[in-house]
Amino acid sequence: MRSKPYSYLFYVQYLGFRYHGWQKQPGVKTIQEMLQRSFKGWLGHDGFNILGAGRTDAGVSCIKGAFELFSGEEILDLEGLLGGVNEYLPDDIRLLSVEKVGPRFNIIQDVKEKEYRYHFSFGNKPHPFSTPFTVVFPDRLDIPKMVEGAKLFEGENDFRNFCTKPKPETVFKRIISESEISMVSGPNGHWEINEPTYCFRVRGKGFLRNQVRLMVGALHDLGRGIIELEELDESLKGKRPIQPLSRKAPARGLVLQEVVFDNA
C-alpha cells in the first residue's frame, strides 16, 4: 500500500443487509467492491487501494466505520471527493468524512477501541421492515440473567470459546472495557415491534473472528436456560476446549457502532 505515497482516512456508514460483508469477493456484492467502483467513477482511474479498519460479516451494518485510501496521486479537493463519491454510491452506503493522514498512521494497528451493538427482541414474528437490523428470537428469554452474563465479559478474559477458525498464533486473551444489555426504543411508526427491544453493547480494542456474534449466542443460550452463568464464567477462564461455547447469533442484528484511533 505504501508504494502509493498519499493516504486518506475515511469514515463510512452502511446498511449491510444487502451485502456479502466488507471484503471484496468474486461473484457477490460487497461494501469494498461498491466503494472501489464509486471511487473509480469519480477519480476516473483505479490507481488507488482501499484497506478497512476491520472486516464485517455478511449482513452486518455500520454506523461509523473507517477505511484508508492509498493513492498514487495527491487528491486536493477532499470535499469534492466526498460529495462526488457519495453520488456514485448506492443509498445504503454513505461516506461521512475524509482527512489526509501521514505515513505513520496505520489503519489496523492504530485502532484504540471499537464498539459493537447487537439489537434483539423475542416473541412474535416482527414486521418485515425490522428485518435488516433487529433479530427477534422465538424463545422467551430471561433478560435479567442475560444482563448479569454480559457483565462477565468485562475485563481481561480468554475468548477461545468465542471465535471461529483460530490460527496457531491466535491470542485469545482480550480486554473488554464495557459490556452491557439495556432496553432501547423500537423503530417509530406503524411497524413498531410489539415486544421490548434490547441492545447488547460491547467495547474493546480488538475482537476475534465472529467473537461478538458468539458472545450474543452464549447470552441467548443463557437467557433460554441452555447454559448457566457458571458455565459462561468458566469458559472465560480458558478452562474449556478451543471450540465455540454456543452457536453464532444471526449477523443482521450486529452493528459496528464506532471505530476510535490513537493517531488519527
C-alpha atoms as a PDB file:
ATOM      1  CA  MET A   1       0.000   0.000   0.000  1.00  0.00           C
ATOM      2  CA  ARG A   2       2.837   2.414   0.859  1.00  0.00           C
ATOM      3  CA  SER A   3       4.028   2.301  -2.764  1.00  0.00           C
ATOM      4  CA  LYS A   4       1.241   4.871  -3.157  1.00  0.00           C
ATOM      5  CA  PRO A   5       2.521   7.893  -1.206  1.00  0.00           C
ATOM      6  CA  TYR A   6      -0.765   9.662  -0.394  1.00  0.00           C
ATOM      7  CA  SER A   7      -3.226   8.272   2.133  1.00  0.00           C
ATOM      8  CA  TYR A   8      -6.634   9.419   3.349  1.00  0.00           C
ATOM      9  CA  LEU A   9      -8.783   8.295   6.272  1.00  0.00           C
ATOM     10  CA  PHE A  10     -12.500   7.961   5.562  1.00  0.00           C
ATOM     11  CA  TYR A  11     -15.358   7.329   7.956  1.00  0.00           C
ATOM     12  CA  VAL A  12     -18.262   5.408   6.459  1.00  0.00           C
ATOM     13  CA  GLN A  13     -21.681   4.040   7.383  1.00  0.00           C
ATOM     14  CA  TYR A  14     -23.805   1.419   5.661  1.00  0.00           C
ATOM     15  CA  LEU A  15     -26.778  -0.883   5.995  1.00  0.00           C
ATOM     16  CA  GLY A  16     -25.274  -4.313   5.443  1.00  0.00           C
ATOM     17  CA  PHE A  17     -28.462  -6.279   4.794  1.00  0.00           C
ATOM     18  CA  ARG A  18     -27.952  -6.488   1.004  1.00  0.00           C
ATOM     19  CA  TYR A  19     -24.199  -7.115   1.084  1.00  0.00           C
ATOM     20  CA  HIS A  20     -21.963 -10.119   1.495  1.00  0.00           C
ATOM     21  CA  GLY A  21     -19.757  -8.413   4.070  1.00  0.00           C
ATOM     22  CA  TRP A  22     -16.934  -5.893   3.727  1.00  0.00           C
ATOM     23  CA  GLN A  23     -14.212  -7.711   1.796  1.00  0.00           C
ATOM     24  CA  LYS A  24     -14.334  -7.871  -1.994  1.00  0.00           C
ATOM     25  CA  GLN A  25     -15.111 -11.404  -3.204  1.00  0.00           C
ATOM     26  CA  PRO A  26     -15.838 -12.852  -6.645  1.00  0.00           C
ATOM     27  CA  GLY A  27     -19.487 -13.304  -7.597  1.00  0.00           C
ATOM     28  CA  VAL A  28     -21.069 -11.428  -4.667  1.00  0.00           C
ATOM     29  CA  LYS A  29     -21.796  -7.791  -3.808  1.00  0.00           C
ATOM     30  CA  THR A  30     -19.657  -6.354  -1.006  1.00  0.00           C
ATOM     31  CA  ILE A  31     -19.093  -2.956   0.622  1.00  0.00           C
ATOM     32  CA  GLN A  32     -15.464  -2.752  -0.507  1.00  0.00           C
ATOM     33  CA  GLU A  33     -16.439  -3.524  -4.091  1.00  0.00           C
ATOM     34  CA  MET A  34     -19.054  -0.755  -4.155  1.00  0.00           C
ATOM     35  CA  LEU A  35     -16.572   1.726  -2.693  1.00  0.00           C
ATOM     36  CA  GLN A  36     -13.912   0.840  -5.243  1.00  0.00           C
ATOM     37  CA  ARG A  37     -16.370   1.213  -8.130  1.00  0.00           C
ATOM     38  CA  SER A  38     -17.537   4.590  -6.851  1.00  0.00           C
ATOM     39  CA  PHE A  39     -14.043   5.986  -6.273  1.00  0.00           C
ATOM     40  CA  LYS A  40     -13.006   4.823  -9.740  1.00  0.00           C
ATOM     41  CA  GLY A  41     -16.052   6.536 -11.214  1.00  0.00           C
ATOM     42  CA  TRP A  42     -15.281   9.878  -9.568  1.00  0.00           C
ATOM     43  CA  LEU A  43     -11.478   9.798  -9.878  1.00  0.00           C
ATOM     44  CA  GLY A  44     -11.513   8.439 -13.430  1.00  0.00           C
ATOM     45  CA  HIS A  45      -8.775   5.889 -12.711  1.00  0.00           C
ATOM     46  CA  ASP A  46      -8.040   2.900 -10.471  1.00  0.00           C
ATOM     47  CA  GLY A  47      -4.639   3.979  -9.186  1.00  0.00           C
ATOM     48  CA  PHE A  48      -5.644   3.536  -5.546  1.00  0.00           C
ATOM     49  CA  ASN A  49      -6.147   0.861  -2.902  1.00  0.00           C
ATOM     50  CA  ILE A  50      -8.659   0.626  -0.053  1.00  0.00           C
ATOM     51  CA  LEU A  51      -7.944  -1.007   3.322  1.00  0.00           C
ATOM     52  CA  GLY A  52     -10.620  -1.261   6.032  1.00  0.00           C
ATOM     53  CA  ALA A  53     -10.086  -0.968   9.779  1.00  0.00           C
ATOM     54  CA  GLY A  54     -11.782  -4.380  10.031  1.00  0.00           C
ATOM     55  CA  ARG A  55     -13.997  -6.759   8.128  1.00  0.00           C
ATOM     56  CA  THR A  56     -17.703  -7.069   8.812  1.00  0.00           C
ATOM     57  CA  ASP A  57     -19.634 -10.256   8.055  1.00  0.00           C
ATOM     58  CA  ALA A  58     -22.408 -10.604   5.504  1.00  0.00           C
ATOM     59  CA  GLY A  59     -25.479  -8.723   6.715  1.00  0.00           C
ATOM     60  CA  VAL A  60     -23.660  -6.674   9.376  1.00  0.00           C
ATOM     61  CA  SER A  61     -24.246  -2.902   9.340  1.00  0.00           C
ATOM     62  CA  CYS A  62     -22.058   0.017  10.365  1.00  0.00           C
ATOM     63  CA  ILE A  63     -22.697   3.439  11.906  1.00  0.00           C
ATOM     64  CA  LYS A  64     -19.142   4.815  11.906  1.00  0.00           C
ATOM     65  CA  GLY A  65     -16.569   2.508  10.397  1.00  0.00           C
ATOM     66  CA  ALA A  66     -13.291   3.514   8.785  1.00  0.00           C
ATOM     67  CA  PHE A  67     -11.035   2.728   5.872  1.00  0.00           C
ATOM     68  CA  GLU A  68      -7.840   4.147   4.409  1.00  0.00           C
ATOM     69  CA  LEU A  69      -7.448   5.041   0.751  1.00  0.00           C
ATOM     70  CA  PHE A  70      -3.900   4.902  -0.664  1.00  0.00           C
ATOM     71  CA  SER A  71      -3.394   6.925  -3.837  1.00  0.00           C
ATOM     72  CA  GLY A  72      -0.542   7.389  -6.282  1.00  0.00           C
ATOM     73  CA  GLU A  73      -1.737  10.925  -6.910  1.00  0.00           C
ATOM     74  CA  GLU A  74      -2.479  13.648  -4.377  1.00  0.00           C
ATOM     75  CA  ILE A  75      -6.177  14.499  -4.014  1.00  0.00           C
ATOM     76  CA  LEU A  76      -6.556  18.232  -3.389  1.00  0.00           C
ATOM     77  CA  ASP A  77     -10.329  18.660  -3.380  1.00  0.00           C
ATOM     78  CA  LEU A  78     -11.319  16.407  -0.496  1.00  0.00           C
ATOM     79  CA  GLU A  79     -14.777  17.936  -0.061  1.00  0.00           C
ATOM     80  CA  GLY A  80     -15.434  17.468  -3.751  1.00  0.00           C
ATOM     81  CA  LEU A  81     -14.231  13.896  -3.487  1.00  0.00           C
ATOM     82  CA  LEU A  82     -16.543  13.228  -0.547  1.00  0.00           C
ATOM     83  CA  GLY A  83     -19.622  14.620  -2.256  1.00  0.00           C
ATOM     84  CA  GLY A  84     -18.793  13.164  -5.655  1.00  0.00           C
ATOM     85  CA  VAL A  85     -18.189   9.612  -4.436  1.00  0.00           C
ATOM     86  CA  ASN A  86     -21.362   9.763  -2.344  1.00  0.00           C
ATOM     87  CA  GLU A  87     -23.304  10.493  -5.520  1.00  0.00           C
ATOM     88  CA  TYR A  88     -21.866   7.343  -7.106  1.00  0.00           C
ATOM     89  CA  LEU A  89     -22.585   5.183  -4.054  1.00  0.00           C
ATOM     90  CA  PRO A  90     -25.961   3.443  -3.533  1.00  0.00           C
ATOM     91  CA  ASP A  91     -28.277   4.951  -0.924  1.00  0.00           C
ATOM     92  CA  ASP A  92     -27.403   2.340   1.720  1.00  0.00           C
ATOM     93  CA  ILE A  93     -23.705   3.358   1.819  1.00  0.00           C
ATOM     94  CA  ARG A  94     -22.562   6.862   2.820  1.00  0.00           C
ATOM     95  CA  LEU A  95     -19.178   8.482   3.356  1.00  0.00           C
ATOM     96  CA  LEU A  96     -19.183  10.668   6.487  1.00  0.00           C
ATOM     97  CA  SER A  97     -15.838  12.474   6.388  1.00  0.00           C
ATOM     98  CA  VAL A  98     -12.309  12.385   4.996  1.00  0.00           C
ATOM     99  CA  GLU A  99      -8.923  13.660   6.143  1.00  0.00           C
ATOM    100  CA  LYS A 100      -5.389  13.301   4.889  1.00  0.00           C
ATOM    101  CA  VAL A 101      -3.145  11.200   7.137  1.00  0.00           C
ATOM    102  CA  GLY A 102       0.603  10.850   7.285  1.00  0.00           C
ATOM    103  CA  PRO A 103       2.806   7.808   6.617  1.00  0.00           C
ATOM    104  CA  ARG A 104       2.994   6.933  10.335  1.00  0.00           C
ATOM    105  CA  PHE A 105      -0.767   6.312  10.554  1.00  0.00           C
ATOM    106  CA  ASN A 106      -1.780   2.624  10.398  1.00  0.00           C
ATOM    107  CA  ILE A 107      -5.475   1.817   9.892  1.00  0.00           C
ATOM    108  CA  ILE A 108      -5.073  -1.561  11.651  1.00  0.00           C
ATOM    109  CA  GLN A 109      -2.510  -1.004  14.402  1.00  0.00           C
ATOM    110  CA  ASP A 110      -3.715   2.456  15.442  1.00  0.00           C
ATOM    111  CA  VAL A 111      -7.215   1.331  16.412  1.00  0.00           C
ATOM    112  CA  LYS A 112      -7.719   2.372  20.037  1.00  0.00           C
ATOM    113  CA  GLU A 113     -11.179   0.889  20.526  1.00  0.00           C
ATOM    114  CA  LYS A 114     -14.195  -0.459  18.682  1.00  0.00           C
ATOM    115  CA  GLU A 115     -17.795  -0.570  19.791  1.00  0.00           C
ATOM    116  CA  TYR A 116     -20.306  -3.116  18.551  1.00  0.00           C
ATOM    117  CA  ARG A 117     -24.024  -3.227  19.242  1.00  0.00           C
ATOM    118  CA  TYR A 118     -26.452  -6.087  18.753  1.00  0.00           C
ATOM    119  CA  HIS A 119     -30.200  -5.379  18.659  1.00  0.00           C
ATOM    120  CA  PHE A 120     -32.629  -8.131  19.529  1.00  0.00           C
ATOM    121  CA  SER A 121     -36.093  -8.875  20.832  1.00  0.00           C
ATOM    122  CA  PHE A 122     -38.088 -12.032  21.491  1.00  0.00           C
ATOM    123  CA  GLY A 123     -41.625 -13.176  20.979  1.00  0.00           C
ATOM    124  CA  ASN A 124     -43.876 -12.952  17.921  1.00  0.00           C
ATOM    125  CA  LYS A 125     -42.588 -12.659  14.374  1.00  0.00           C
ATOM    126  CA  PRO A 126     -41.905  -8.943  13.758  1.00  0.00           C
ATOM    127  CA  HIS A 127     -42.950  -6.647  10.963  1.00  0.00           C
ATOM    128  CA  PRO A 128     -40.750  -7.370   7.893  1.00  0.00           C
ATOM    129  CA  PHE A 129     -39.428  -3.793   7.866  1.00  0.00           C
ATOM    130  CA  SER A 130     -37.441  -4.502  11.049  1.00  0.00           C
ATOM    131  CA  THR A 131     -35.601  -7.453   9.477  1.00  0.00           C
ATOM    132  CA  PRO A 132     -32.413  -5.624   8.358  1.00  0.00           C
ATOM    133  CA  PHE A 133     -31.351  -4.540  11.851  1.00  0.00           C
ATOM    134  CA  THR A 134     -33.159  -6.442  14.632  1.00  0.00           C
ATOM    135  CA  VAL A 135     -33.183 -10.169  15.397  1.00  0.00           C
ATOM    136  CA  VAL A 136     -36.324 -11.478  17.088  1.00  0.00           C
ATOM    137  CA  PHE A 137     -35.698 -14.756  18.915  1.00  0.00           C
ATOM    138  CA  PRO A 138     -38.735 -17.041  19.200  1.00  0.00           C
ATOM    139  CA  ASP A 139     -37.846 -18.185  22.725  1.00  0.00           C
ATOM    140  CA  ARG A 140     -38.916 -16.331  25.849  1.00  0.00           C
ATOM    141  CA  LEU A 141     -35.679 -15.034  27.371  1.00  0.00           C
ATOM    142  CA  ASP A 142     -34.560 -14.408  30.952  1.00  0.00           C
ATOM    143  CA  ILE A 143     -33.296 -10.869  30.364  1.00  0.00           C
ATOM    144  CA  PRO A 144     -32.039 -10.252  33.962  1.00  0.00           C
ATOM    145  CA  LYS A 145     -29.824 -13.342  33.694  1.00  0.00           C
ATOM    146  CA  MET A 146     -28.531 -12.175  30.297  1.00  0.00           C
ATOM    147  CA  VAL A 147     -27.752  -8.748  31.796  1.00  0.00           C
ATOM    148  CA  GLU A 148     -25.740 -10.459  34.525  1.00  0.00           C
ATOM    149  CA  GLY A 149     -23.986 -12.645  31.969  1.00  0.00           C
ATOM    150  CA  ALA A 150     -22.998  -9.662  29.804  1.00  0.00           C
ATOM    151  CA  LYS A 151     -21.071  -8.200  32.740  1.00  0.00           C
ATOM    152  CA  LEU A 152     -18.906 -11.342  32.948  1.00  0.00           C
ATOM    153  CA  PHE A 153     -17.280 -10.363  29.634  1.00  0.00           C
ATOM    154  CA  GLU A 154     -15.770  -7.174  31.090  1.00  0.00           C
ATOM    155  CA  GLY A 155     -12.071  -7.060  31.916  1.00  0.00           C
ATOM    156  CA  GLU A 156      -9.357  -9.378  30.580  1.00  0.00           C
ATOM    157  CA  ASN A 157     -10.689 -12.810  29.654  1.00  0.00           C
ATOM    158  CA  ASP A 158      -9.842 -15.808  27.499  1.00  0.00           C
ATOM    159  CA  PHE A 159     -12.113 -15.866  24.449  1.00  0.00           C
ATOM    160  CA  ARG A 160     -11.070 -19.230  22.998  1.00  0.00           C
ATOM    161  CA  ASN A 161     -14.728 -20.297  23.142  1.00  0.00           C
ATOM    162  CA  PHE A 162     -15.866 -17.162  21.303  1.00  0.00           C
ATOM    163  CA  CYS A 163     -14.078 -17.311  17.955  1.00  0.00           C
ATOM    164  CA  THR A 164     -14.059 -19.353  14.762  1.00  0.00           C
ATOM    165  CA  LYS A 165     -11.110 -20.730  12.777  1.00  0.00           C
ATOM    166  CA  PRO A 166      -8.340 -19.606  15.155  1.00  0.00           C
ATOM    167  CA  LYS A 167      -4.750 -19.869  13.943  1.00  0.00           C
ATOM    168  CA  PRO A 168      -1.918 -21.396  15.992  1.00  0.00           C
ATOM    169  CA  GLU A 169      -0.657 -17.887  16.808  1.00  0.00           C
ATOM    170  CA  THR A 170      -4.088 -16.504  17.779  1.00  0.00           C
ATOM    171  CA  VAL A 171      -4.044 -14.583  21.067  1.00  0.00           C
ATOM    172  CA  PHE A 172      -7.259 -15.495  22.897  1.00  0.00           C
ATOM    173  CA  LYS A 173      -6.879 -13.102  25.820  1.00  0.00           C
ATOM    174  CA  ARG A 174      -8.689  -9.847  25.085  1.00  0.00           C
ATOM    175  CA  ILE A 175      -9.735  -6.860  27.190  1.00  0.00           C
ATOM    176  CA  ILE A 176     -13.362  -5.753  27.102  1.00  0.00           C
ATOM    177  CA  SER A 177     -13.799  -2.270  28.579  1.00  0.00           C
ATOM    178  CA  GLU A 178     -17.629  -2.227  28.543  1.00  0.00           C
ATOM    179  CA  SER A 179     -20.277  -4.915  28.127  1.00  0.00           C
ATOM    180  CA  GLU A 180     -23.948  -4.431  28.897  1.00  0.00           C
ATOM    181  CA  ILE A 181     -27.527  -5.161  27.840  1.00  0.00           C
ATOM    182  CA  SER A 182     -30.134  -2.420  28.027  1.00  0.00           C
ATOM    183  CA  MET A 183     -33.659  -1.828  26.759  1.00  0.00           C
ATOM    184  CA  VAL A 184     -33.957   0.557  23.818  1.00  0.00           C
ATOM    185  CA  SER A 185     -36.822   2.238  21.979  1.00  0.00           C
ATOM    186  CA  GLY A 186     -38.048   0.372  18.925  1.00  0.00           C
ATOM    187  CA  PRO A 187     -38.489   1.934  15.458  1.00  0.00           C
ATOM    188  CA  ASN A 188     -41.172   4.573  15.146  1.00  0.00           C
ATOM    189  CA  GLY A 189     -44.297   4.271  13.015  1.00  0.00           C
ATOM    190  CA  HIS A 190     -46.984   1.712  12.361  1.00  0.00           C
ATOM    191  CA  TRP A 191     -44.484  -1.127  12.034  1.00  0.00           C
ATOM    192  CA  GLU A 192     -43.016  -0.853  15.532  1.00  0.00           C
ATOM    193  CA  ILE A 193     -42.024  -4.128  17.189  1.00  0.00           C
ATOM    194  CA  ASN A 194     -44.609  -5.039  19.825  1.00  0.00           C
ATOM    195  CA  GLU A 195     -42.152  -6.686  22.209  1.00  0.00           C
ATOM    196  CA  PRO A 196     -39.413  -4.713  24.032  1.00  0.00           C
ATOM    197  CA  THR A 197     -36.183  -4.310  22.072  1.00  0.00           C
ATOM    198  CA  TYR A 198     -32.787  -4.777  23.712  1.00  0.00           C
ATOM    199  CA  CYS A 199     -29.242  -3.809  22.809  1.00  0.00           C
ATOM    200  CA  PHE A 200     -26.070  -5.670  23.739  1.00  0.00           C
ATOM    201  CA  ARG A 201     -23.232  -3.115  23.697  1.00  0.00           C
ATOM    202  CA  VAL A 202     -19.565  -4.093  23.872  1.00  0.00           C
ATOM    203  CA  ARG A 203     -16.323  -2.096  23.571  1.00  0.00           C
ATOM    204  CA  GLY A 204     -12.734  -3.291  23.217  1.00  0.00           C
ATOM    205  CA  LYS A 205      -9.509  -2.726  21.296  1.00  0.00           C
ATOM    206  CA  GLY A 206      -9.676  -5.860  19.192  1.00  0.00           C
ATOM    207  CA  PHE A 207     -12.080  -8.721  18.577  1.00  0.00           C
ATOM    208  CA  LEU A 208     -11.559 -12.248  17.280  1.00  0.00           C
ATOM    209  CA  ARG A 209     -13.331 -13.636  14.242  1.00  0.00           C
ATOM    210  CA  ASN A 210     -17.096 -13.851  14.956  1.00  0.00           C
ATOM    211  CA  GLN A 211     -16.415 -13.004  18.620  1.00  0.00           C
ATOM    212  CA  VAL A 212     -19.347 -10.647  19.168  1.00  0.00           C
ATOM    213  CA  ARG A 213     -21.890 -12.921  17.425  1.00  0.00           C
ATOM    214  CA  LEU A 214     -20.680 -15.855  19.539  1.00  0.00           C
ATOM    215  CA  MET A 215     -20.928 -13.730  22.687  1.00  0.00           C
ATOM    216  CA  VAL A 216     -24.543 -12.933  21.779  1.00  0.00           C
ATOM    217  CA  GLY A 217     -25.134 -16.624  21.014  1.00  0.00           C
ATOM    218  CA  ALA A 218     -23.945 -17.535  24.510  1.00  0.00           C
ATOM    219  CA  LEU A 219     -26.134 -14.847  26.079  1.00  0.00           C
ATOM    220  CA  HIS A 220     -29.099 -16.183  24.076  1.00  0.00           C
ATOM    221  CA  ASP A 221     -28.429 -19.696  25.401  1.00  0.00           C
ATOM    222  CA  LEU A 222     -28.114 -18.232  28.883  1.00  0.00           C
ATOM    223  CA  GLY A 223     -31.450 -16.474  28.520  1.00  0.00           C
ATOM    224  CA  ARG A 224     -33.263 -19.626  27.454  1.00  0.00           C
ATOM    225  CA  GLY A 225     -31.664 -21.854  30.116  1.00  0.00           C
ATOM    226  CA  ILE A 226     -29.359 -23.897  27.848  1.00  0.00           C
ATOM    227  CA  ILE A 227     -26.258 -22.809  29.775  1.00  0.00           C
ATOM    228  CA  GLU A 228     -25.780 -21.298  33.239  1.00  0.00           C
ATOM    229  CA  LEU A 229     -23.753 -18.342  34.493  1.00  0.00           C
ATOM    230  CA  GLU A 230     -21.164 -20.699  35.981  1.00  0.00           C
ATOM    231  CA  GLU A 231     -20.515 -22.287  32.570  1.00  0.00           C
ATOM    232  CA  LEU A 232     -20.103 -18.900  30.930  1.00  0.00           C
ATOM    233  CA  ASP A 233     -17.721 -17.770  33.654  1.00  0.00           C
ATOM    234  CA  GLU A 234     -15.702 -21.000  33.367  1.00  0.00           C
ATOM    235  CA  SER A 235     -15.352 -20.601  29.604  1.00  0.00           C
ATOM    236  CA  LEU A 236     -13.885 -17.099  30.050  1.00  0.00           C
ATOM    237  CA  LYS A 237     -11.171 -18.524  32.289  1.00  0.00           C
ATOM    238  CA  GLY A 238      -9.876 -20.703  29.419  1.00  0.00           C
ATOM    239  CA  LYS A 239     -10.787 -23.997  31.073  1.00  0.00           C
ATOM    240  CA  ARG A 240     -12.724 -25.489  28.156  1.00  0.00           C
ATOM    241  CA  PRO A 241     -11.545 -26.941  24.803  1.00  0.00           C
ATOM    242  CA  ILE A 242     -10.909 -24.485  21.951  1.00  0.00           C
ATOM    243  CA  GLN A 243     -14.335 -24.508  20.337  1.00  0.00           C
ATOM    244  CA  PRO A 244     -17.389 -22.219  20.407  1.00  0.00           C
ATOM    245  CA  LEU A 245     -19.486 -22.383  23.550  1.00  0.00           C
ATOM    246  CA  SER A 246     -22.679 -21.624  21.587  1.00  0.00           C
ATOM    247  CA  ARG A 247     -23.854 -21.027  18.041  1.00  0.00           C
ATOM    248  CA  LYS A 248     -23.340 -17.668  16.346  1.00  0.00           C
ATOM    249  CA  ALA A 249     -26.225 -15.233  16.593  1.00  0.00           C
ATOM    250  CA  PRO A 250     -27.610 -14.079  13.216  1.00  0.00           C
ATOM    251  CA  ALA A 251     -25.482 -11.403  11.576  1.00  0.00           C
ATOM    252  CA  ARG A 252     -28.171  -8.853  10.782  1.00  0.00           C
ATOM    253  CA  GLY A 253     -28.604  -7.743  14.416  1.00  0.00           C
ATOM    254  CA  LEU A 254     -24.961  -6.665  14.613  1.00  0.00           C
ATOM    255  CA  VAL A 255     -23.757  -3.102  14.039  1.00  0.00           C
ATOM    256  CA  LEU A 256     -20.216  -1.760  14.117  1.00  0.00           C
ATOM    257  CA  GLN A 257     -21.068   1.393  16.041  1.00  0.00           C
ATOM    258  CA  GLU A 258     -17.732   3.198  16.138  1.00  0.00           C
ATOM    259  CA  VAL A 259     -14.005   2.933  15.497  1.00  0.00           C
ATOM    260  CA  VAL A 260     -11.671   5.173  17.518  1.00  0.00           C
ATOM    261  CA  PHE A 261      -7.994   5.729  16.618  1.00  0.00           C
ATOM    262  CA  ASP A 262      -4.952   6.735  18.635  1.00  0.00           C
ATOM    263  CA  ASN A 263      -3.199   8.786  15.960  1.00  0.00           C
ATOM    264  CA  ALA A 264      -5.888   9.991  13.549  1.00  0.00           C
END
